[in-house]
Amino acid sequence: MQKYFLIIFLCGASNVFAQTKDYKIFIPKNYDTLIGGFAKDDLNKDGIGDIALALYHKIEKENTEVDDDSFPPRLLIILIGTQNGYIESAKSQTALLCKKCGGLFGDPIEGISIEKNILIISHYGGSAWRWSITDKFRFQNNDWFLIGETKNSYWDVEMCDKLKDFAGTNYDDENFVTGEFEIKKISEDCKLLENKKGRRAIKPLILLANFNIDN
């Protein structure tokens, strides 16, 4: 009887950890939340608040001169809220850029947010040449998928007044669910090279588990 009692007790302890009202339990040891790395709202349309976390390992602050390649990976964690607490729904080591990936602008994590049941991850960096990446993820078919992406780069030194945009602009926005896209390209001497909206062939959506922002 002692053997069976031990099995039941351990299972119960595991369930308590898997579903808890303290979301901080899901933050791994020696990790902390990035500035702008906390978002709370409904992601799976059940009327209960969910949480997304963008985390960094504390060694990033302790060893500022160390190459980023030696740092533990940054983490994106998604927690689904229930009546009894939170459950970890997804975790990614490849959805966030590294601390020094922003160039002279420093840390490129601009922030994460939840809008209309969609998780939005924003990156921004560069120097005279600026760039930004915005990725959108949605919970559907019992998993997390990349449903949209916006990429932009431009030369911050010169504004093209007639075009009301920066020289060297290379803008590409796409909805992977509908295939709708918008692209805009401007040369460094302020000539409009392309300005187009349309619809691309729809491809299978990329799972968050397979998504790598460096690719």
N, C-alpha and C. Protein backbone atom coordinates (compact mmCIF):
# COMPACT_ATOMS: atom_id res chain seq x y z
N MET A 1 0.82 -1.20 0.00
CA MET A 1 0.00 0.00 0.00
C MET A 1 0.86 1.26 0.00
N GLN A 2 2.00 1.21 0.64
CA GLN A 2 2.88 2.37 0.68
C GLN A 2 3.37 2.73 -0.73
N LYS A 3 3.59 1.72 -1.56
CA LYS A 3 4.07 1.95 -2.92
C LYS A 3 3.02 2.70 -3.73
N TYR A 4 1.77 2.25 -3.65
CA TYR A 4 0.69 2.90 -4.40
C TYR A 4 0.47 4.32 -3.90
N PHE A 5 0.55 4.54 -2.60
CA PHE A 5 0.35 5.86 -2.03
C PHE A 5 1.40 6.83 -2.55
N LEU A 6 2.64 6.38 -2.70
CA LEU A 6 3.72 7.22 -3.18
C LEU A 6 3.48 7.63 -4.63
N ILE A 7 3.00 6.74 -5.45
CA ILE A 7 2.72 7.04 -6.85
C ILE A 7 1.65 8.10 -6.96
N ILE A 8 0.59 7.98 -6.20
CA ILE A 8 -0.51 8.95 -6.23
C ILE A 8 -0.03 10.32 -5.79
N PHE A 9 0.80 10.35 -4.74
CA PHE A 9 1.30 11.63 -4.21
C PHE A 9 2.16 12.36 -5.25
N LEU A 10 3.03 11.63 -5.95
CA LEU A 10 3.90 12.25 -6.93
C LEU A 10 3.11 12.78 -8.12
N CYS A 11 2.10 12.05 -8.53
CA CYS A 11 1.27 12.51 -9.64
C CYS A 11 0.57 13.79 -9.27
N GLY A 12 0.08 13.84 -8.04
CA GLY A 12 -0.61 15.04 -7.57
C GLY A 12 0.32 16.22 -7.54
N ALA A 13 1.55 16.03 -7.10
CA ALA A 13 2.51 17.12 -7.04
C ALA A 13 2.84 17.64 -8.43
N SER A 14 2.92 16.73 -9.41
CA SER A 14 3.21 17.13 -10.77
C SER A 14 2.10 17.99 -11.34
N ASN A 15 0.85 17.63 -11.05
CA ASN A 15 -0.29 18.39 -11.56
C ASN A 15 -0.34 19.79 -10.96
N VAL A 16 0.04 19.91 -9.69
CA VAL A 16 0.05 21.21 -9.04
C VAL A 16 1.02 22.15 -9.75
N PHE A 17 2.20 21.62 -10.11
CA PHE A 17 3.19 22.44 -10.77
C PHE A 17 2.77 22.79 -12.19
N ALA A 18 2.08 21.85 -12.86
CA ALA A 18 1.69 22.06 -14.25
C ALA A 18 0.59 23.10 -14.37
N GLN A 19 -0.18 23.33 -13.31
CA GLN A 19 -1.27 24.29 -13.36
C GLN A 19 -1.27 25.10 -12.07
N THR A 20 -0.84 26.34 -12.16
CA THR A 20 -0.70 27.17 -10.98
C THR A 20 -1.10 28.60 -11.28
N LYS A 21 -1.57 29.31 -10.27
CA LYS A 21 -1.99 30.69 -10.45
C LYS A 21 -0.81 31.66 -10.41
N ASP A 22 0.35 31.18 -10.01
CA ASP A 22 1.56 32.01 -9.98
C ASP A 22 2.34 31.78 -11.27
N TYR A 23 2.21 32.69 -12.23
CA TYR A 23 2.86 32.50 -13.53
C TYR A 23 4.38 32.47 -13.41
N LYS A 24 4.93 33.07 -12.36
CA LYS A 24 6.39 33.14 -12.21
C LYS A 24 7.02 31.76 -12.00
N ILE A 25 6.20 30.80 -11.61
CA ILE A 25 6.69 29.42 -11.46
C ILE A 25 7.26 28.90 -12.77
N PHE A 26 6.74 29.42 -13.90
CA PHE A 26 7.16 28.91 -15.21
C PHE A 26 8.43 29.59 -15.73
N ILE A 27 8.92 30.59 -15.01
CA ILE A 27 10.16 31.24 -15.43
C ILE A 27 11.34 30.40 -14.93
N PRO A 28 12.18 29.89 -15.85
CA PRO A 28 13.30 29.02 -15.44
C PRO A 28 14.27 29.74 -14.50
N LYS A 29 15.00 28.95 -13.76
CA LYS A 29 16.00 29.49 -12.83
C LYS A 29 17.00 30.36 -13.58
N ASN A 30 17.34 31.48 -12.98
CA ASN A 30 18.32 32.45 -13.50
C ASN A 30 17.82 33.21 -14.74
N TYR A 31 16.52 33.12 -15.03
CA TYR A 31 15.94 33.91 -16.11
C TYR A 31 15.09 35.03 -15.52
N ASP A 32 14.93 36.09 -16.30
CA ASP A 32 14.09 37.21 -15.88
C ASP A 32 13.39 37.77 -17.12
N THR A 33 12.40 38.65 -16.88
CA THR A 33 11.60 39.20 -17.97
C THR A 33 12.28 40.41 -18.59
N LEU A 34 12.35 40.42 -19.91
CA LEU A 34 12.90 41.56 -20.63
C LEU A 34 11.99 42.78 -20.47
N ILE A 35 12.55 43.96 -20.62
CA ILE A 35 11.73 45.17 -20.63
C ILE A 35 10.75 45.08 -21.81
N GLY A 36 9.48 45.23 -21.53
CA GLY A 36 8.47 45.06 -22.57
C GLY A 36 8.17 43.62 -22.89
N GLY A 37 8.68 42.70 -22.05
CA GLY A 37 8.55 41.28 -22.33
C GLY A 37 7.42 40.57 -21.61
N PHE A 38 6.40 41.32 -21.20
CA PHE A 38 5.24 40.72 -20.53
C PHE A 38 3.97 41.22 -21.20
N ALA A 39 3.09 40.28 -21.56
CA ALA A 39 1.81 40.64 -22.16
C ALA A 39 0.73 39.72 -21.61
N LYS A 40 -0.43 40.29 -21.28
CA LYS A 40 -1.52 39.49 -20.74
C LYS A 40 -2.83 39.87 -21.42
N ASP A 41 -3.50 38.90 -22.00
CA ASP A 41 -4.81 39.07 -22.62
C ASP A 41 -5.24 37.69 -23.12
N ASP A 42 -6.43 37.63 -23.68
CA ASP A 42 -6.97 36.36 -24.14
C ASP A 42 -6.36 35.98 -25.49
N LEU A 43 -5.72 34.82 -25.57
CA LEU A 43 -5.11 34.35 -26.80
C LEU A 43 -5.90 33.24 -27.49
N ASN A 44 -6.57 32.41 -26.70
CA ASN A 44 -7.26 31.26 -27.29
C ASN A 44 -8.78 31.42 -27.31
N LYS A 45 -9.26 32.66 -27.11
CA LYS A 45 -10.68 33.02 -27.27
C LYS A 45 -11.60 32.26 -26.32
N ASP A 46 -11.11 32.00 -25.10
CA ASP A 46 -11.98 31.34 -24.12
C ASP A 46 -12.44 32.31 -23.03
N GLY A 47 -12.10 33.58 -23.19
CA GLY A 47 -12.53 34.58 -22.23
C GLY A 47 -11.67 34.68 -20.98
N ILE A 48 -10.60 33.89 -20.91
CA ILE A 48 -9.70 33.90 -19.76
C ILE A 48 -8.35 34.47 -20.18
N GLY A 49 -7.77 35.33 -19.35
CA GLY A 49 -6.50 35.96 -19.68
C GLY A 49 -5.35 34.97 -19.78
N ASP A 50 -4.55 35.11 -20.80
CA ASP A 50 -3.35 34.31 -21.01
C ASP A 50 -2.12 35.22 -20.89
N ILE A 51 -0.95 34.62 -20.80
CA ILE A 51 0.27 35.40 -20.60
C ILE A 51 1.36 34.96 -21.58
N ALA A 52 2.06 35.95 -22.13
CA ALA A 52 3.25 35.68 -22.94
C ALA A 52 4.43 36.36 -22.27
N LEU A 53 5.56 35.66 -22.24
CA LEU A 53 6.77 36.15 -21.58
C LEU A 53 7.95 36.10 -22.54
N ALA A 54 8.71 37.18 -22.58
CA ALA A 54 9.99 37.21 -23.29
C ALA A 54 11.08 37.31 -22.23
N LEU A 55 11.93 36.29 -22.17
CA LEU A 55 12.87 36.16 -21.06
C LEU A 55 14.33 36.19 -21.51
N TYR A 56 15.19 36.66 -20.62
CA TYR A 56 16.63 36.63 -20.85
C TYR A 56 17.31 35.98 -19.66
N HIS A 57 18.47 35.39 -19.91
CA HIS A 57 19.24 34.81 -18.82
C HIS A 57 20.03 35.92 -18.13
N LYS A 58 20.07 35.90 -16.81
CA LYS A 58 20.69 36.98 -16.04
C LYS A 58 22.17 37.14 -16.31
N ILE A 59 22.79 36.14 -16.90
CA ILE A 59 24.22 36.25 -17.23
C ILE A 59 24.46 37.37 -18.25
N GLU A 60 23.42 37.75 -18.99
CA GLU A 60 23.55 38.83 -19.96
C GLU A 60 23.96 40.14 -19.28
N LYS A 61 23.47 40.38 -18.08
CA LYS A 61 23.81 41.60 -17.34
C LYS A 61 25.12 41.44 -16.58
N GLU A 62 25.41 40.23 -16.17
CA GLU A 62 26.61 39.99 -15.36
C GLU A 62 27.88 39.99 -16.20
N ASN A 63 27.77 39.63 -17.49
CA ASN A 63 28.95 39.53 -18.35
C ASN A 63 28.69 40.32 -19.64
N THR A 64 28.77 41.63 -19.55
CA THR A 64 28.43 42.48 -20.68
C THR A 64 29.42 42.38 -21.84
N GLU A 65 30.65 41.94 -21.56
CA GLU A 65 31.66 41.89 -22.61
C GLU A 65 31.71 40.53 -23.31
N VAL A 66 30.95 39.58 -22.82
CA VAL A 66 30.98 38.23 -23.39
C VAL A 66 30.23 38.20 -24.71
N ASP A 67 30.72 37.41 -25.66
CA ASP A 67 30.05 37.24 -26.94
C ASP A 67 28.66 36.64 -26.73
N ASP A 68 27.68 37.15 -27.47
CA ASP A 68 26.31 36.67 -27.33
C ASP A 68 26.17 35.18 -27.58
N ASP A 69 27.04 34.62 -28.42
CA ASP A 69 26.94 33.20 -28.75
C ASP A 69 27.11 32.31 -27.52
N SER A 70 27.74 32.84 -26.48
CA SER A 70 27.97 32.04 -25.29
C SER A 70 26.84 32.17 -24.27
N PHE A 71 25.90 33.09 -24.50
CA PHE A 71 24.78 33.26 -23.58
C PHE A 71 23.76 32.14 -23.77
N PRO A 72 23.09 31.73 -22.69
CA PRO A 72 21.96 30.81 -22.85
C PRO A 72 20.89 31.49 -23.71
N PRO A 73 20.09 30.73 -24.45
CA PRO A 73 19.12 31.32 -25.37
C PRO A 73 18.03 32.11 -24.65
N ARG A 74 17.56 33.15 -25.31
CA ARG A 74 16.39 33.85 -24.82
C ARG A 74 15.16 32.98 -25.05
N LEU A 75 14.16 33.17 -24.23
CA LEU A 75 12.99 32.28 -24.28
C LEU A 75 11.70 33.07 -24.47
N LEU A 76 10.85 32.53 -25.32
CA LEU A 76 9.47 32.98 -25.42
C LEU A 76 8.60 31.89 -24.81
N ILE A 77 7.81 32.23 -23.79
CA ILE A 77 6.95 31.27 -23.14
C ILE A 77 5.51 31.77 -23.20
N ILE A 78 4.60 30.90 -23.59
CA ILE A 78 3.18 31.24 -23.65
C ILE A 78 2.42 30.39 -22.63
N LEU A 79 1.69 31.06 -21.76
CA LEU A 79 0.90 30.39 -20.72
C LEU A 79 -0.58 30.60 -20.99
N ILE A 80 -1.32 29.51 -21.00
CA ILE A 80 -2.76 29.58 -21.20
C ILE A 80 -3.44 29.61 -19.83
N GLY A 81 -4.34 30.56 -19.63
CA GLY A 81 -5.05 30.67 -18.38
C GLY A 81 -6.26 29.76 -18.31
N THR A 82 -6.49 29.18 -17.14
CA THR A 82 -7.67 28.35 -16.89
C THR A 82 -8.32 28.85 -15.60
N GLN A 83 -9.44 28.25 -15.23
CA GLN A 83 -10.11 28.62 -13.99
C GLN A 83 -9.24 28.32 -12.77
N ASN A 84 -8.31 27.38 -12.93
CA ASN A 84 -7.47 26.95 -11.81
C ASN A 84 -6.04 27.45 -11.87
N GLY A 85 -5.71 28.23 -12.88
CA GLY A 85 -4.35 28.73 -12.98
C GLY A 85 -3.84 28.69 -14.41
N TYR A 86 -2.51 28.72 -14.55
CA TYR A 86 -1.88 28.75 -15.87
C TYR A 86 -1.25 27.41 -16.24
N ILE A 87 -1.25 27.14 -17.54
CA ILE A 87 -0.61 25.95 -18.09
C ILE A 87 0.34 26.39 -19.20
N GLU A 88 1.55 25.86 -19.20
CA GLU A 88 2.49 26.20 -20.27
C GLU A 88 2.02 25.59 -21.57
N SER A 89 1.81 26.44 -22.58
CA SER A 89 1.31 25.97 -23.86
C SER A 89 2.40 25.89 -24.92
N ALA A 90 3.40 26.78 -24.84
CA ALA A 90 4.47 26.79 -25.85
C ALA A 90 5.71 27.44 -25.28
N LYS A 91 6.86 27.01 -25.79
CA LYS A 91 8.15 27.60 -25.42
C LYS A 91 9.05 27.57 -26.64
N SER A 92 9.74 28.69 -26.91
CA SER A 92 10.63 28.76 -28.07
C SER A 92 11.95 29.40 -27.67
N GLN A 93 13.04 28.83 -28.19
CA GLN A 93 14.37 29.39 -27.99
C GLN A 93 14.85 30.16 -29.22
N THR A 94 14.00 30.23 -30.26
CA THR A 94 14.45 30.81 -31.53
C THR A 94 13.51 31.91 -32.05
N ALA A 95 12.63 32.41 -31.20
CA ALA A 95 11.69 33.45 -31.63
C ALA A 95 12.18 34.86 -31.32
N LEU A 96 13.24 34.97 -30.49
CA LEU A 96 13.73 36.28 -30.06
C LEU A 96 15.18 36.47 -30.47
N LEU A 97 15.51 37.68 -30.90
CA LEU A 97 16.89 38.00 -31.27
C LEU A 97 17.76 38.22 -30.03
N CYS A 98 19.05 38.10 -30.22
CA CYS A 98 20.00 38.22 -29.12
C CYS A 98 20.18 39.67 -28.68
N LYS A 99 20.83 39.85 -27.55
CA LYS A 99 21.00 41.18 -26.95
C LYS A 99 21.72 42.15 -27.88
N LYS A 100 22.77 41.68 -28.56
CA LYS A 100 23.58 42.57 -29.38
C LYS A 100 23.17 42.58 -30.85
N CYS A 101 22.06 41.92 -31.16
CA CYS A 101 21.62 41.82 -32.55
C CYS A 101 21.03 43.13 -33.07
N GLY A 102 20.83 44.11 -32.19
CA GLY A 102 20.26 45.38 -32.61
C GLY A 102 21.28 46.37 -33.12
N GLY A 103 22.55 45.99 -33.15
CA GLY A 103 23.57 46.92 -33.62
C GLY A 103 23.78 48.05 -32.63
N LEU A 104 24.02 49.26 -33.13
CA LEU A 104 24.27 50.41 -32.27
C LEU A 104 23.07 50.76 -31.40
N PHE A 105 21.89 50.34 -31.82
CA PHE A 105 20.69 50.61 -31.04
C PHE A 105 20.58 49.72 -29.81
N GLY A 106 21.46 48.72 -29.73
CA GLY A 106 21.44 47.85 -28.56
C GLY A 106 20.42 46.73 -28.67
N ASP A 107 19.85 46.36 -27.54
CA ASP A 107 18.91 45.25 -27.49
C ASP A 107 17.75 45.48 -28.45
N PRO A 108 17.51 44.56 -29.39
CA PRO A 108 16.49 44.79 -30.42
C PRO A 108 15.07 44.44 -30.01
N ILE A 109 14.88 43.90 -28.81
CA ILE A 109 13.52 43.56 -28.39
C ILE A 109 12.74 44.83 -28.10
N GLU A 110 11.82 45.16 -28.98
CA GLU A 110 11.01 46.36 -28.79
C GLU A 110 9.84 46.07 -27.86
N GLY A 111 9.39 44.81 -27.85
CA GLY A 111 8.32 44.43 -26.94
C GLY A 111 7.42 43.36 -27.53
N ILE A 112 6.60 42.76 -26.66
CA ILE A 112 5.58 41.82 -27.10
C ILE A 112 4.22 42.36 -26.65
N SER A 113 3.18 42.02 -27.39
CA SER A 113 1.84 42.48 -27.06
C SER A 113 0.82 41.46 -27.56
N ILE A 114 -0.40 41.60 -27.07
CA ILE A 114 -1.50 40.74 -27.51
C ILE A 114 -2.62 41.65 -27.99
N GLU A 115 -2.99 41.48 -29.25
CA GLU A 115 -4.05 42.29 -29.85
C GLU A 115 -4.99 41.41 -30.66
N LYS A 116 -6.26 41.47 -30.33
CA LYS A 116 -7.29 40.68 -31.04
C LYS A 116 -6.91 39.20 -31.08
N ASN A 117 -6.49 38.67 -29.93
CA ASN A 117 -6.14 37.25 -29.76
C ASN A 117 -4.88 36.85 -30.52
N ILE A 118 -4.07 37.82 -30.90
CA ILE A 118 -2.84 37.54 -31.64
C ILE A 118 -1.64 38.01 -30.84
N LEU A 119 -0.62 37.16 -30.75
CA LEU A 119 0.63 37.52 -30.08
C LEU A 119 1.54 38.21 -31.08
N ILE A 120 2.00 39.41 -30.74
CA ILE A 120 2.85 40.20 -31.62
C ILE A 120 4.22 40.39 -30.98
N ILE A 121 5.27 40.06 -31.73
CA ILE A 121 6.65 40.23 -31.26
C ILE A 121 7.32 41.26 -32.15
N SER A 122 7.85 42.33 -31.55
CA SER A 122 8.44 43.42 -32.32
C SER A 122 9.92 43.56 -32.03
N HIS A 123 10.72 43.63 -33.10
CA HIS A 123 12.15 43.88 -33.01
C HIS A 123 12.50 45.14 -33.80
N TYR A 124 13.55 45.84 -33.33
CA TYR A 124 13.96 47.08 -34.00
C TYR A 124 15.44 47.30 -33.73
N GLY A 125 16.17 47.75 -34.77
CA GLY A 125 17.59 47.99 -34.57
C GLY A 125 18.23 48.73 -35.72
N GLY A 126 19.57 48.75 -35.72
CA GLY A 126 20.33 49.41 -36.76
C GLY A 126 21.07 50.63 -36.26
N SER A 127 21.49 51.47 -37.20
CA SER A 127 22.14 52.75 -36.87
C SER A 127 21.62 53.77 -37.88
N ALA A 128 22.45 54.20 -38.84
CA ALA A 128 21.94 55.06 -39.91
C ALA A 128 20.95 54.27 -40.76
N TRP A 129 21.27 53.01 -40.97
CA TRP A 129 20.32 52.10 -41.61
C TRP A 129 19.51 51.42 -40.52
N ARG A 130 18.22 51.65 -40.50
CA ARG A 130 17.33 51.07 -39.49
C ARG A 130 16.58 49.87 -40.08
N TRP A 131 16.16 49.01 -39.20
CA TRP A 131 15.35 47.86 -39.63
C TRP A 131 14.38 47.48 -38.53
N SER A 132 13.32 46.81 -38.91
CA SER A 132 12.34 46.31 -37.94
C SER A 132 11.72 45.02 -38.45
N ILE A 133 11.35 44.17 -37.51
CA ILE A 133 10.67 42.91 -37.82
C ILE A 133 9.52 42.74 -36.84
N THR A 134 8.34 42.51 -37.36
CA THR A 134 7.17 42.25 -36.52
C THR A 134 6.57 40.92 -36.92
N ASP A 135 6.50 39.99 -35.97
CA ASP A 135 5.94 38.66 -36.23
C ASP A 135 4.65 38.49 -35.44
N LYS A 136 3.66 37.84 -36.07
CA LYS A 136 2.35 37.64 -35.45
C LYS A 136 2.03 36.15 -35.38
N PHE A 137 1.65 35.71 -34.18
CA PHE A 137 1.34 34.30 -33.96
C PHE A 137 -0.09 34.17 -33.42
N ARG A 138 -0.76 33.09 -33.85
CA ARG A 138 -2.12 32.85 -33.40
C ARG A 138 -2.31 31.38 -33.03
N PHE A 139 -3.14 31.16 -32.02
CA PHE A 139 -3.48 29.79 -31.61
C PHE A 139 -4.65 29.30 -32.46
N GLN A 140 -4.43 28.24 -33.21
CA GLN A 140 -5.49 27.65 -34.02
C GLN A 140 -5.14 26.19 -34.29
N ASN A 141 -6.17 25.40 -34.48
CA ASN A 141 -5.97 23.96 -34.70
C ASN A 141 -5.09 23.35 -33.62
N ASN A 142 -5.27 23.83 -32.37
CA ASN A 142 -4.58 23.30 -31.19
C ASN A 142 -3.07 23.48 -31.24
N ASP A 143 -2.61 24.52 -31.93
CA ASP A 143 -1.18 24.80 -31.95
C ASP A 143 -0.96 26.28 -32.27
N TRP A 144 0.31 26.70 -32.24
CA TRP A 144 0.67 28.09 -32.47
C TRP A 144 1.33 28.24 -33.83
N PHE A 145 0.82 29.20 -34.64
CA PHE A 145 1.30 29.37 -36.00
C PHE A 145 1.66 30.83 -36.28
N LEU A 146 2.68 31.01 -37.13
CA LEU A 146 3.03 32.33 -37.64
C LEU A 146 2.01 32.70 -38.71
N ILE A 147 1.24 33.76 -38.47
CA ILE A 147 0.18 34.12 -39.42
C ILE A 147 0.49 35.41 -40.17
N GLY A 148 1.52 36.15 -39.75
CA GLY A 148 1.84 37.38 -40.45
C GLY A 148 3.21 37.89 -40.07
N GLU A 149 3.81 38.64 -40.99
CA GLU A 149 5.14 39.19 -40.73
C GLU A 149 5.30 40.50 -41.50
N THR A 150 5.91 41.48 -40.83
CA THR A 150 6.23 42.75 -41.47
C THR A 150 7.71 43.02 -41.29
N LYS A 151 8.41 43.24 -42.41
CA LYS A 151 9.83 43.58 -42.38
C LYS A 151 10.03 44.92 -43.06
N ASN A 152 10.87 45.74 -42.46
CA ASN A 152 11.14 47.05 -43.04
C ASN A 152 12.58 47.46 -42.76
N SER A 153 13.21 48.09 -43.72
CA SER A 153 14.53 48.68 -43.53
C SER A 153 14.58 49.98 -44.31
N TYR A 154 15.39 50.93 -43.84
CA TYR A 154 15.46 52.24 -44.50
C TYR A 154 16.68 53.01 -44.02
N TRP A 155 17.01 54.05 -44.77
CA TRP A 155 18.14 54.92 -44.45
C TRP A 155 17.61 56.11 -43.67
N ASP A 156 17.89 56.13 -42.39
CA ASP A 156 17.31 57.13 -41.50
C ASP A 156 17.85 58.54 -41.74
N VAL A 157 18.91 58.65 -42.50
CA VAL A 157 19.57 59.94 -42.71
C VAL A 157 18.77 60.85 -43.64
N GLU A 158 18.03 60.27 -44.58
CA GLU A 158 17.36 61.11 -45.58
C GLU A 158 15.88 60.75 -45.74
N MET A 159 15.02 61.73 -45.61
CA MET A 159 13.60 61.57 -45.85
C MET A 159 13.27 62.04 -47.27
N CYS A 160 12.53 61.22 -47.99
CA CYS A 160 12.08 61.58 -49.34
C CYS A 160 10.74 62.31 -49.20
N ASP A 161 10.79 63.61 -49.25
CA ASP A 161 9.60 64.41 -48.95
C ASP A 161 8.43 64.12 -49.88
N LYS A 162 8.70 63.97 -51.17
CA LYS A 162 7.61 63.73 -52.12
C LYS A 162 6.96 62.37 -51.91
N LEU A 163 7.74 61.40 -51.45
CA LEU A 163 7.23 60.06 -51.23
C LEU A 163 6.77 59.85 -49.80
N LYS A 164 7.08 60.82 -48.93
CA LYS A 164 6.72 60.75 -47.52
C LYS A 164 7.23 59.47 -46.87
N ASP A 165 8.44 59.14 -47.22
CA ASP A 165 9.08 57.96 -46.64
C ASP A 165 10.59 58.13 -46.75
N PHE A 166 11.34 57.23 -46.07
CA PHE A 166 12.79 57.34 -46.04
C PHE A 166 13.44 56.77 -47.29
N ALA A 167 14.60 57.31 -47.63
CA ALA A 167 15.40 56.76 -48.72
C ALA A 167 15.82 55.34 -48.36
N GLY A 168 15.93 54.50 -49.40
CA GLY A 168 16.35 53.12 -49.18
C GLY A 168 15.31 52.22 -48.55
N THR A 169 14.07 52.68 -48.48
CA THR A 169 13.01 51.89 -47.85
C THR A 169 12.82 50.56 -48.58
N ASN A 170 12.73 49.49 -47.80
CA ASN A 170 12.42 48.16 -48.33
C ASN A 170 11.40 47.54 -47.38
N TYR A 171 10.12 47.70 -47.71
CA TYR A 171 9.01 47.32 -46.83
C TYR A 171 8.27 46.13 -47.42
N ASP A 172 8.01 45.13 -46.57
CA ASP A 172 7.29 43.94 -47.02
C ASP A 172 6.39 43.45 -45.89
N ASP A 173 5.10 43.50 -46.11
CA ASP A 173 4.12 43.05 -45.12
C ASP A 173 3.28 41.95 -45.74
N GLU A 174 3.11 40.83 -45.02
CA GLU A 174 2.34 39.72 -45.59
C GLU A 174 1.48 39.04 -44.54
N ASN A 175 0.26 38.74 -44.94
CA ASN A 175 -0.67 37.93 -44.15
C ASN A 175 -0.58 36.51 -44.70
N PHE A 176 -0.01 35.59 -43.92
CA PHE A 176 0.20 34.23 -44.41
C PHE A 176 -1.08 33.41 -44.47
N VAL A 177 -2.13 33.88 -43.83
CA VAL A 177 -3.41 33.17 -43.87
C VAL A 177 -4.15 33.47 -45.17
N THR A 178 -4.18 34.74 -45.56
CA THR A 178 -4.91 35.14 -46.77
C THR A 178 -4.02 35.28 -47.99
N GLY A 179 -2.72 35.42 -47.77
CA GLY A 179 -1.79 35.64 -48.88
C GLY A 179 -1.67 37.10 -49.29
N GLU A 180 -2.44 37.99 -48.67
CA GLU A 180 -2.38 39.40 -49.00
C GLU A 180 -1.03 40.00 -48.60
N PHE A 181 -0.50 40.87 -49.45
CA PHE A 181 0.80 41.47 -49.17
C PHE A 181 0.83 42.92 -49.63
N GLU A 182 1.81 43.65 -49.10
CA GLU A 182 2.09 45.01 -49.52
C GLU A 182 3.60 45.20 -49.52
N ILE A 183 4.15 45.69 -50.61
CA ILE A 183 5.58 45.93 -50.69
C ILE A 183 5.83 47.35 -51.20
N LYS A 184 6.93 47.93 -50.72
CA LYS A 184 7.32 49.27 -51.15
C LYS A 184 8.83 49.36 -51.13
N LYS A 185 9.40 49.81 -52.25
CA LYS A 185 10.85 49.94 -52.35
C LYS A 185 11.19 51.32 -52.90
N ILE A 186 12.14 51.99 -52.23
CA ILE A 186 12.60 53.31 -52.63
C ILE A 186 14.12 53.28 -52.71
N SER A 187 14.67 53.86 -53.74
CA SER A 187 16.12 53.87 -53.89
C SER A 187 16.75 54.86 -52.92
N GLU A 188 18.07 54.81 -52.81
CA GLU A 188 18.78 55.72 -51.91
C GLU A 188 18.74 57.16 -52.38
N ASP A 189 18.43 57.36 -53.68
CA ASP A 189 18.30 58.72 -54.19
C ASP A 189 16.82 59.10 -54.38
N CYS A 190 15.96 58.45 -53.59
CA CYS A 190 14.54 58.81 -53.49
C CYS A 190 13.72 58.57 -54.75
N LYS A 191 14.02 57.49 -55.46
CA LYS A 191 13.19 57.09 -56.60
C LYS A 191 12.32 55.90 -56.18
N LEU A 192 11.04 56.00 -56.49
CA LEU A 192 10.13 54.91 -56.16
C LEU A 192 10.36 53.75 -57.12
N LEU A 193 10.82 52.63 -56.57
CA LEU A 193 11.13 51.46 -57.39
C LEU A 193 9.94 50.50 -57.49
N GLU A 194 9.18 50.41 -56.40
CA GLU A 194 8.05 49.48 -56.40
C GLU A 194 7.08 49.89 -55.30
N ASN A 195 5.82 49.81 -55.59
CA ASN A 195 4.76 50.10 -54.62
C ASN A 195 3.55 49.26 -55.03
N LYS A 196 3.36 48.16 -54.34
CA LYS A 196 2.40 47.18 -54.85
C LYS A 196 1.66 46.48 -53.71
N LYS A 197 0.40 46.21 -53.95
CA LYS A 197 -0.42 45.36 -53.09
C LYS A 197 -0.98 44.22 -53.92
N GLY A 198 -1.13 43.06 -53.29
CA GLY A 198 -1.65 41.93 -54.04
C GLY A 198 -1.88 40.72 -53.16
N ARG A 199 -1.86 39.57 -53.78
CA ARG A 199 -2.09 38.32 -53.06
C ARG A 199 -1.13 37.27 -53.58
N ARG A 200 -0.36 36.68 -52.67
CA ARG A 200 0.57 35.63 -53.02
C ARG A 200 -0.06 34.26 -52.80
N ALA A 201 0.54 33.26 -53.39
CA ALA A 201 0.05 31.90 -53.18
C ALA A 201 0.17 31.53 -51.71
N ILE A 202 -0.87 30.92 -51.18
CA ILE A 202 -0.88 30.56 -49.76
C ILE A 202 -0.06 29.28 -49.54
N LYS A 203 0.85 29.35 -48.59
CA LYS A 203 1.68 28.20 -48.25
C LYS A 203 1.29 27.67 -46.87
N PRO A 204 1.68 26.44 -46.54
CA PRO A 204 1.40 25.93 -45.19
C PRO A 204 1.99 26.85 -44.12
N LEU A 205 1.24 27.10 -43.08
CA LEU A 205 1.70 27.99 -42.02
C LEU A 205 2.86 27.37 -41.24
N ILE A 206 3.75 28.22 -40.76
CA ILE A 206 4.90 27.76 -39.99
C ILE A 206 4.52 27.67 -38.51
N LEU A 207 4.81 26.54 -37.91
CA LEU A 207 4.58 26.36 -36.48
C LEU A 207 5.57 27.22 -35.67
N LEU A 208 5.10 27.74 -34.55
CA LEU A 208 6.00 28.45 -33.66
C LEU A 208 7.17 27.56 -33.25
N ALA A 209 6.90 26.28 -33.07
CA ALA A 209 7.95 25.32 -32.68
C ALA A 209 9.05 25.22 -33.73
N ASN A 210 8.73 25.53 -35.00
CA ASN A 210 9.71 25.45 -36.08
C ASN A 210 10.21 26.81 -36.54
N PHE A 211 9.72 27.87 -35.92
CA PHE A 211 10.06 29.23 -36.35
C PHE A 211 11.42 29.63 -35.80
N ASN A 212 12.25 30.24 -36.67
CA ASN A 212 13.55 30.76 -36.27
C ASN A 212 13.70 32.15 -36.88
N ILE A 213 13.73 33.17 -36.05
CA ILE A 213 13.78 34.53 -36.54
C ILE A 213 15.07 34.84 -37.28
N ASP A 214 16.12 34.05 -37.05
CA ASP A 214 17.39 34.28 -37.74
C ASP A 214 17.37 33.77 -39.17
N ASN A 215 16.37 32.99 -39.54
CA ASN A 215 16.30 32.44 -40.90
C ASN A 215 15.56 33.39 -41.84
